[in-house]
Amino acid sequence: MLQEYVLGHQPEGERGLGVSVCFMCKDALRIYRDAVDKGLSPQKPFVGNGLWVVGFRDPDDYNIVFESPTDVEEEVEYDPNVHG
């Protein structure tokens, strides 16, 4: 999925701004937990549009996002004590 720039945040020579590569998967939270276990620092997962959203920044400063369906309420942030 390619996304539009956020209004007022168009890039001015800044790499990666406004570009996200999104992957639909079965379990984005598992990807998050595996990444943390390996010492990576993904963004804290949250629910958006009925999906768990787990974001990373690659070395070139682009967004890499993994998403998986959920019935958890919108805008909820991941809590390992609640969501495993």
N, C-alpha and C. Protein backbone atom coordinates (compact mmCIF):
# COMPACT_ATOMS: atom_id res chain seq x y z
N MET A 1 0.86 -1.17 0.00
CA MET A 1 0.00 0.00 0.00
C MET A 1 0.90 1.22 0.00
N LEU A 2 0.61 2.17 -0.85
CA LEU A 2 1.29 3.46 -0.80
C LEU A 2 0.32 4.47 -0.21
N GLN A 3 0.83 5.29 0.68
CA GLN A 3 -0.02 6.26 1.35
C GLN A 3 0.37 7.67 0.93
N GLU A 4 -0.61 8.59 0.98
CA GLU A 4 -0.34 9.99 0.65
C GLU A 4 0.41 10.65 1.80
N TYR A 5 1.07 11.75 1.47
CA TYR A 5 1.73 12.54 2.50
C TYR A 5 0.69 13.14 3.42
N VAL A 6 1.04 13.29 4.67
CA VAL A 6 0.18 13.98 5.61
C VAL A 6 0.23 15.46 5.26
N LEU A 7 -0.94 16.10 5.20
CA LEU A 7 -1.02 17.51 4.83
C LEU A 7 -0.07 18.34 5.69
N GLY A 8 0.76 19.13 5.05
CA GLY A 8 1.71 19.97 5.77
C GLY A 8 3.02 19.27 6.09
N HIS A 9 3.15 18.01 5.70
CA HIS A 9 4.38 17.26 5.99
C HIS A 9 4.99 16.67 4.72
N GLN A 10 4.90 17.39 3.62
CA GLN A 10 5.49 16.93 2.38
C GLN A 10 7.02 16.95 2.54
N PRO A 11 7.70 15.98 1.92
CA PRO A 11 9.15 15.89 2.09
C PRO A 11 9.88 17.04 1.42
N GLU A 12 10.93 17.46 2.07
CA GLU A 12 11.83 18.47 1.49
C GLU A 12 13.23 17.89 1.58
N GLY A 13 13.49 16.89 0.73
CA GLY A 13 14.80 16.26 0.73
C GLY A 13 14.96 15.20 1.81
N GLU A 14 13.93 14.95 2.61
CA GLU A 14 14.02 13.96 3.68
C GLU A 14 13.61 12.60 3.14
N ARG A 15 14.49 11.61 3.23
CA ARG A 15 14.20 10.27 2.72
C ARG A 15 13.14 9.59 3.56
N GLY A 16 12.28 8.85 2.90
CA GLY A 16 11.33 8.01 3.59
C GLY A 16 10.07 8.68 4.08
N LEU A 17 10.04 9.99 4.12
CA LEU A 17 8.88 10.68 4.66
C LEU A 17 7.66 10.44 3.78
N GLY A 18 6.61 9.91 4.38
CA GLY A 18 5.37 9.69 3.65
C GLY A 18 5.30 8.37 2.91
N VAL A 19 6.35 7.54 3.03
CA VAL A 19 6.36 6.27 2.33
C VAL A 19 6.24 5.14 3.35
N SER A 20 5.26 4.29 3.18
CA SER A 20 5.08 3.11 4.03
C SER A 20 4.85 1.90 3.14
N VAL A 21 5.50 0.81 3.47
CA VAL A 21 5.24 -0.47 2.82
C VAL A 21 4.53 -1.31 3.86
N CYS A 22 3.30 -1.73 3.55
CA CYS A 22 2.47 -2.47 4.51
C CYS A 22 2.28 -3.90 4.04
N PHE A 23 2.42 -4.82 4.98
CA PHE A 23 2.22 -6.24 4.73
C PHE A 23 1.08 -6.74 5.59
N MET A 24 0.10 -7.38 4.98
CA MET A 24 -0.95 -8.06 5.74
C MET A 24 -0.40 -9.42 6.14
N CYS A 25 -0.62 -9.81 7.39
CA CYS A 25 -0.11 -11.09 7.87
C CYS A 25 -1.10 -11.70 8.85
N LYS A 26 -0.82 -12.91 9.31
CA LYS A 26 -1.72 -13.60 10.24
C LYS A 26 -1.60 -13.07 11.66
N ASP A 27 -0.38 -12.69 12.10
CA ASP A 27 -0.17 -12.32 13.50
C ASP A 27 0.92 -11.26 13.64
N ALA A 28 0.53 -10.01 13.50
CA ALA A 28 1.48 -8.90 13.61
C ALA A 28 2.09 -8.82 15.01
N LEU A 29 1.33 -9.19 16.03
CA LEU A 29 1.87 -9.15 17.39
C LEU A 29 3.00 -10.16 17.58
N ARG A 30 2.90 -11.30 16.91
CA ARG A 30 3.99 -12.27 16.99
C ARG A 30 5.25 -11.70 16.35
N ILE A 31 5.10 -10.99 15.25
CA ILE A 31 6.24 -10.33 14.60
C ILE A 31 6.84 -9.32 15.57
N TYR A 32 5.99 -8.56 16.24
CA TYR A 32 6.47 -7.57 17.22
C TYR A 32 7.26 -8.26 18.33
N ARG A 33 6.68 -9.31 18.94
CA ARG A 33 7.34 -10.00 20.05
C ARG A 33 8.66 -10.63 19.61
N ASP A 34 8.68 -11.24 18.42
CA ASP A 34 9.92 -11.83 17.90
C ASP A 34 10.99 -10.75 17.68
N ALA A 35 10.58 -9.62 17.15
CA ALA A 35 11.53 -8.53 16.90
C ALA A 35 12.13 -8.02 18.21
N VAL A 36 11.28 -7.81 19.22
CA VAL A 36 11.77 -7.34 20.52
C VAL A 36 12.72 -8.37 21.13
N ASP A 37 12.37 -9.65 21.03
CA ASP A 37 13.24 -10.71 21.55
C ASP A 37 14.61 -10.72 20.88
N LYS A 38 14.68 -10.24 19.63
CA LYS A 38 15.94 -10.21 18.90
C LYS A 38 16.67 -8.87 19.04
N GLY A 39 16.15 -8.01 19.93
CA GLY A 39 16.83 -6.74 20.20
C GLY A 39 16.46 -5.59 19.30
N LEU A 40 15.44 -5.76 18.46
CA LEU A 40 14.99 -4.66 17.60
C LEU A 40 14.03 -3.76 18.37
N SER A 41 13.77 -2.59 17.82
CA SER A 41 12.91 -1.61 18.49
C SER A 41 11.76 -1.17 17.60
N PRO A 42 10.79 -2.07 17.36
CA PRO A 42 9.62 -1.64 16.57
C PRO A 42 8.79 -0.64 17.35
N GLN A 43 7.96 0.09 16.63
CA GLN A 43 7.03 1.02 17.28
C GLN A 43 6.02 0.21 18.07
N LYS A 44 5.49 0.80 19.14
CA LYS A 44 4.50 0.10 19.96
C LYS A 44 3.26 -0.18 19.13
N PRO A 45 2.81 -1.45 19.10
CA PRO A 45 1.63 -1.80 18.31
C PRO A 45 0.36 -1.08 18.81
N PHE A 46 -0.54 -0.84 17.87
CA PHE A 46 -1.83 -0.25 18.19
C PHE A 46 -2.86 -0.79 17.20
N VAL A 47 -4.14 -0.59 17.50
CA VAL A 47 -5.21 -1.04 16.61
C VAL A 47 -5.70 0.14 15.78
N GLY A 48 -5.74 -0.05 14.48
CA GLY A 48 -6.26 0.95 13.55
C GLY A 48 -6.98 0.26 12.41
N ASN A 49 -8.17 0.70 12.11
CA ASN A 49 -8.98 0.11 11.03
C ASN A 49 -9.19 -1.39 11.20
N GLY A 50 -9.37 -1.84 12.45
CA GLY A 50 -9.63 -3.25 12.71
C GLY A 50 -8.41 -4.13 12.55
N LEU A 51 -7.22 -3.53 12.61
CA LEU A 51 -5.97 -4.26 12.42
C LEU A 51 -4.97 -3.90 13.51
N TRP A 52 -4.22 -4.92 13.99
CA TRP A 52 -3.04 -4.61 14.79
C TRP A 52 -2.00 -4.05 13.84
N VAL A 53 -1.39 -2.94 14.18
CA VAL A 53 -0.41 -2.27 13.33
C VAL A 53 0.93 -2.28 14.07
N VAL A 54 1.94 -2.90 13.44
CA VAL A 54 3.28 -2.98 14.00
C VAL A 54 4.24 -2.34 13.01
N GLY A 55 4.86 -1.23 13.40
CA GLY A 55 5.71 -0.48 12.49
C GLY A 55 7.19 -0.54 12.84
N PHE A 56 7.99 -0.55 11.79
CA PHE A 56 9.45 -0.50 11.89
C PHE A 56 9.94 0.63 10.99
N ARG A 57 11.15 1.13 11.27
CA ARG A 57 11.84 2.05 10.36
C ARG A 57 13.04 1.30 9.81
N ASP A 58 13.17 1.26 8.49
CA ASP A 58 14.33 0.57 7.92
C ASP A 58 15.54 1.50 7.94
N PRO A 59 16.73 0.98 7.59
CA PRO A 59 17.95 1.81 7.66
C PRO A 59 17.90 3.07 6.80
N ASP A 60 17.07 3.07 5.75
CA ASP A 60 16.92 4.27 4.91
C ASP A 60 15.81 5.18 5.40
N ASP A 61 15.23 4.87 6.57
CA ASP A 61 14.21 5.67 7.23
C ASP A 61 12.83 5.56 6.59
N TYR A 62 12.58 4.43 5.91
CA TYR A 62 11.24 4.17 5.39
C TYR A 62 10.44 3.38 6.42
N ASN A 63 9.12 3.52 6.39
CA ASN A 63 8.25 2.75 7.27
C ASN A 63 7.95 1.39 6.66
N ILE A 64 8.13 0.35 7.48
CA ILE A 64 7.74 -1.01 7.12
C ILE A 64 6.69 -1.41 8.16
N VAL A 65 5.49 -1.77 7.71
CA VAL A 65 4.38 -2.01 8.63
C VAL A 65 3.80 -3.41 8.39
N PHE A 66 3.54 -4.12 9.49
CA PHE A 66 2.87 -5.41 9.44
C PHE A 66 1.52 -5.24 10.12
N GLU A 67 0.46 -5.76 9.48
CA GLU A 67 -0.89 -5.59 10.00
C GLU A 67 -1.62 -6.93 9.98
N SER A 68 -2.41 -7.17 11.03
CA SER A 68 -3.23 -8.38 11.08
C SER A 68 -4.59 -8.06 11.67
N PRO A 69 -5.63 -8.74 11.19
CA PRO A 69 -6.99 -8.47 11.67
C PRO A 69 -7.15 -8.74 13.16
N THR A 70 -8.02 -7.93 13.79
CA THR A 70 -8.34 -8.10 15.21
C THR A 70 -9.74 -7.59 15.47
N ASP A 71 -10.31 -8.05 16.59
CA ASP A 71 -11.60 -7.50 17.02
C ASP A 71 -11.42 -6.59 18.25
N VAL A 72 -10.17 -6.27 18.57
CA VAL A 72 -9.88 -5.35 19.66
C VAL A 72 -10.31 -3.94 19.26
N GLU A 73 -10.78 -3.17 20.23
CA GLU A 73 -11.30 -1.82 20.00
C GLU A 73 -10.25 -0.91 19.34
N GLU A 74 -10.73 -0.02 18.48
CA GLU A 74 -9.87 0.94 17.77
C GLU A 74 -9.02 1.76 18.73
N GLU A 75 -7.81 2.07 18.31
CA GLU A 75 -6.85 2.93 18.98
C GLU A 75 -6.29 2.35 20.28
N VAL A 76 -6.59 1.09 20.58
CA VAL A 76 -6.00 0.44 21.75
C VAL A 76 -4.52 0.20 21.47
N GLU A 77 -3.67 0.50 22.46
CA GLU A 77 -2.25 0.21 22.35
C GLU A 77 -1.96 -1.15 22.96
N TYR A 78 -0.98 -1.82 22.41
CA TYR A 78 -0.58 -3.14 22.87
C TYR A 78 -0.11 -3.09 24.32
N ASP A 79 -0.62 -4.03 25.12
CA ASP A 79 -0.19 -4.23 26.50
C ASP A 79 0.10 -5.71 26.66
N PRO A 80 1.35 -6.09 26.91
CA PRO A 80 1.68 -7.50 26.99
C PRO A 80 0.93 -8.24 28.10
N ASN A 81 0.50 -7.53 29.11
CA ASN A 81 -0.26 -8.15 30.20
C ASN A 81 -1.69 -8.47 29.79
N VAL A 82 -2.19 -7.78 28.77
CA VAL A 82 -3.57 -7.98 28.31
C VAL A 82 -3.59 -8.81 27.02
N HIS A 83 -2.69 -8.50 26.10
CA HIS A 83 -2.72 -9.09 24.76
C HIS A 83 -1.71 -10.21 24.55
N GLY A 84 -1.03 -10.60 25.59
CA GLY A 84 -0.08 -11.73 25.47
C GLY A 84 1.27 -11.39 24.99
